[in-house]
Amino acid sequence: MIYHVIVSFGRGKEYPYKLSEADLAESSPEEARRWFDKEFADLKCEPTNPMGKVLIIDKILNIARVGGEQRFIDGKTWATQFIRYTALALGRDTIRVDVEAMNIGY
């Protein structure tokens, strides 16, 4: 299976990635959740839910927003980890992370 993850920061600012099952084989959904927990704390992201509960989708969106577009332009290790862990955490073969609209689509 091929996984497609697109991170969008608005019109004309889309960063598509393709991953194979082999790209995901060395990691697990639990590892992905731990990575998102750590990045959420390290980047000092704020919960968007007034009740304080933070869903994995909220973490993904906030980490992409706070981490910034430049990390995806550079396409280095951080962006690759973000993409791989997004695919693992959500378990979908096609994912669109729309940072501008703060929405994730499948």
C-alpha atoms as a PDB file:
ATOM      1  CA  MET A   1       0.000   0.000   0.000  1.00  0.00           C
ATOM      2  CA  ILE A   2       1.127   3.527  -0.727  1.00  0.00           C
ATOM      3  CA  TYR A   3       0.329   6.260   1.787  1.00  0.00           C
ATOM      4  CA  HIS A   4      -0.272   9.829   0.611  1.00  0.00           C
ATOM      5  CA  VAL A   5       0.022  12.658   3.104  1.00  0.00           C
ATOM      6  CA  ILE A   6      -0.426  16.264   2.023  1.00  0.00           C
ATOM      7  CA  VAL A   7       0.339  19.159   4.339  1.00  0.00           C
ATOM      8  CA  SER A   8      -1.251  22.386   3.140  1.00  0.00           C
ATOM      9  CA  PHE A   9      -0.609  25.912   4.371  1.00  0.00           C
ATOM     10  CA  GLY A  10      -3.003  27.484   1.845  1.00  0.00           C
ATOM     11  CA  ARG A  11      -3.414  27.733  -1.907  1.00  0.00           C
ATOM     12  CA  GLY A  12      -0.142  26.979  -3.681  1.00  0.00           C
ATOM     13  CA  LYS A  13       1.548  25.940  -0.449  1.00  0.00           C
ATOM     14  CA  GLU A  14       1.025  22.190  -0.480  1.00  0.00           C
ATOM     15  CA  TYR A  15       3.644  19.620   0.402  1.00  0.00           C
ATOM     16  CA  PRO A  16       2.772  16.106  -0.804  1.00  0.00           C
ATOM     17  CA  TYR A  17       4.558  13.028   0.484  1.00  0.00           C
ATOM     18  CA  LYS A  18       4.322   9.366  -0.490  1.00  0.00           C
ATOM     19  CA  LEU A  19       5.260   6.548   1.847  1.00  0.00           C
ATOM     20  CA  SER A  20       5.368   2.815   1.336  1.00  0.00           C
ATOM     21  CA  GLU A  21       4.540   0.212   3.955  1.00  0.00           C
ATOM     22  CA  ALA A  22       8.291  -0.344   4.293  1.00  0.00           C
ATOM     23  CA  ASP A  23       8.668   3.335   5.280  1.00  0.00           C
ATOM     24  CA  LEU A  24       6.288   2.727   8.176  1.00  0.00           C
ATOM     25  CA  ALA A  25       7.430  -0.758   9.154  1.00  0.00           C
ATOM     26  CA  GLU A  26      10.049   0.319  11.685  1.00  0.00           C
ATOM     27  CA  SER A  27       7.598   2.391  13.739  1.00  0.00           C
ATOM     28  CA  SER A  28       4.281   1.815  15.485  1.00  0.00           C
ATOM     29  CA  PRO A  29       1.141   3.866  16.178  1.00  0.00           C
ATOM     30  CA  GLU A  30       2.183   4.003  19.848  1.00  0.00           C
ATOM     31  CA  GLU A  31       5.579   5.441  18.896  1.00  0.00           C
ATOM     32  CA  ALA A  32       3.784   7.995  16.715  1.00  0.00           C
ATOM     33  CA  ARG A  33       1.573   9.084  19.604  1.00  0.00           C
ATOM     34  CA  ARG A  34       4.600   9.446  21.886  1.00  0.00           C
ATOM     35  CA  TRP A  35       6.362  11.582  19.240  1.00  0.00           C
ATOM     36  CA  PHE A  36       3.306  13.841  18.912  1.00  0.00           C
ATOM     37  CA  ASP A  37       3.047  14.135  22.716  1.00  0.00           C
ATOM     38  CA  LYS A  38       6.696  15.188  22.923  1.00  0.00           C
ATOM     39  CA  GLU A  39       6.515  17.640  20.018  1.00  0.00           C
ATOM     40  CA  PHE A  40       3.294  19.171  21.382  1.00  0.00           C
ATOM     41  CA  ALA A  41       5.080  19.854  24.680  1.00  0.00           C
ATOM     42  CA  ASP A  42       8.419  20.904  23.126  1.00  0.00           C
ATOM     43  CA  LEU A  43       6.727  23.386  20.763  1.00  0.00           C
ATOM     44  CA  LYS A  44       4.574  24.698  23.624  1.00  0.00           C
ATOM     45  CA  CYS A  45       1.360  24.131  21.687  1.00  0.00           C
ATOM     46  CA  GLU A  46      -1.862  25.248  23.337  1.00  0.00           C
ATOM     47  CA  PRO A  47      -4.917  22.961  23.566  1.00  0.00           C
ATOM     48  CA  THR A  48      -7.700  24.148  21.272  1.00  0.00           C
ATOM     49  CA  ASN A  49     -10.425  22.432  23.296  1.00  0.00           C
ATOM     50  CA  PRO A  50     -11.593  24.580  26.232  1.00  0.00           C
ATOM     51  CA  MET A  51     -12.083  21.405  28.297  1.00  0.00           C
ATOM     52  CA  GLY A  52      -8.353  20.703  27.980  1.00  0.00           C
ATOM     53  CA  LYS A  53      -8.708  17.336  26.232  1.00  0.00           C
ATOM     54  CA  VAL A  54      -6.294  17.110  23.311  1.00  0.00           C
ATOM     55  CA  LEU A  55      -7.070  14.631  20.536  1.00  0.00           C
ATOM     56  CA  ILE A  56      -4.384  13.269  18.207  1.00  0.00           C
ATOM     57  CA  ILE A  57      -5.901  15.325  15.372  1.00  0.00           C
ATOM     58  CA  ASP A  58      -5.526  18.497  17.451  1.00  0.00           C
ATOM     59  CA  LYS A  59      -1.901  17.620  18.164  1.00  0.00           C
ATOM     60  CA  ILE A  60      -1.135  16.993  14.493  1.00  0.00           C
ATOM     61  CA  LEU A  61      -2.716  20.278  13.393  1.00  0.00           C
ATOM     62  CA  ASN A  62      -1.122  22.365  16.138  1.00  0.00           C
ATOM     63  CA  ILE A  63       2.314  20.832  15.679  1.00  0.00           C
ATOM     64  CA  ALA A  64       2.182  21.525  11.937  1.00  0.00           C
ATOM     65  CA  ARG A  65       1.027  25.110  12.579  1.00  0.00           C
ATOM     66  CA  VAL A  66       3.556  25.913  15.300  1.00  0.00           C
ATOM     67  CA  GLY A  67       6.339  23.908  13.629  1.00  0.00           C
ATOM     68  CA  GLY A  68       5.752  26.045  10.556  1.00  0.00           C
ATOM     69  CA  GLU A  69       5.783  25.771   6.812  1.00  0.00           C
ATOM     70  CA  GLN A  70       9.545  26.196   6.542  1.00  0.00           C
ATOM     71  CA  ARG A  71      10.111  22.743   8.013  1.00  0.00           C
ATOM     72  CA  PHE A  72       8.096  21.243   5.155  1.00  0.00           C
ATOM     73  CA  ILE A  73       9.832  23.431   2.562  1.00  0.00           C
ATOM     74  CA  ASP A  74      13.185  22.162   3.841  1.00  0.00           C
ATOM     75  CA  GLY A  75      11.859  18.581   3.808  1.00  0.00           C
ATOM     76  CA  LYS A  76      14.413  17.330   6.292  1.00  0.00           C
ATOM     77  CA  THR A  77      14.178  14.823   9.145  1.00  0.00           C
ATOM     78  CA  TRP A  78      11.497  16.641  11.150  1.00  0.00           C
ATOM     79  CA  ALA A  79       9.091  16.827   8.195  1.00  0.00           C
ATOM     80  CA  THR A  80       9.711  13.173   7.334  1.00  0.00           C
ATOM     81  CA  GLN A  81       9.012  12.138  10.921  1.00  0.00           C
ATOM     82  CA  PHE A  82       5.874  14.261  11.017  1.00  0.00           C
ATOM     83  CA  ILE A  83       4.552  12.645   7.829  1.00  0.00           C
ATOM     84  CA  ARG A  84       5.429   9.089   8.873  1.00  0.00           C
ATOM     85  CA  TYR A  85       3.930   9.484  12.327  1.00  0.00           C
ATOM     86  CA  THR A  86       0.802  11.157  10.940  1.00  0.00           C
ATOM     87  CA  ALA A  87       0.189   8.155   8.667  1.00  0.00           C
ATOM     88  CA  LEU A  88       0.806   5.748  11.558  1.00  0.00           C
ATOM     89  CA  ALA A  89      -1.290   7.622  14.121  1.00  0.00           C
ATOM     90  CA  LEU A  90      -4.293   8.044  11.840  1.00  0.00           C
ATOM     91  CA  GLY A  91      -4.018   4.722  10.014  1.00  0.00           C
ATOM     92  CA  ARG A  92      -5.316   6.062   6.711  1.00  0.00           C
ATOM     93  CA  ASP A  93      -3.764   5.748   3.267  1.00  0.00           C
ATOM     94  CA  THR A  94      -4.699   9.286   2.193  1.00  0.00           C
ATOM     95  CA  ILE A  95      -4.496  12.195   4.620  1.00  0.00           C
ATOM     96  CA  ARG A  96      -4.727  15.929   4.011  1.00  0.00           C
ATOM     97  CA  VAL A  97      -3.497  18.137   6.847  1.00  0.00           C
ATOM     98  CA  ASP A  98      -4.948  21.577   6.092  1.00  0.00           C
ATOM     99  CA  VAL A  99      -3.150  23.882   8.501  1.00  0.00           C
ATOM    100  CA  GLU A 100      -4.855  27.041   7.233  1.00  0.00           C
ATOM    101  CA  ALA A 101      -8.361  25.629   7.823  1.00  0.00           C
ATOM    102  CA  MET A 102      -7.222  23.609  10.897  1.00  0.00           C
ATOM    103  CA  ASN A 103      -8.786  20.505   9.394  1.00  0.00           C
ATOM    104  CA  ILE A 104      -7.721  16.963   8.565  1.00  0.00           C
ATOM    105  CA  GLY A 105      -9.393  15.170   5.673  1.00  0.00           C
ATOM    106  CA  TYR A 106      -9.207  11.597   4.463  1.00  0.00           C
END
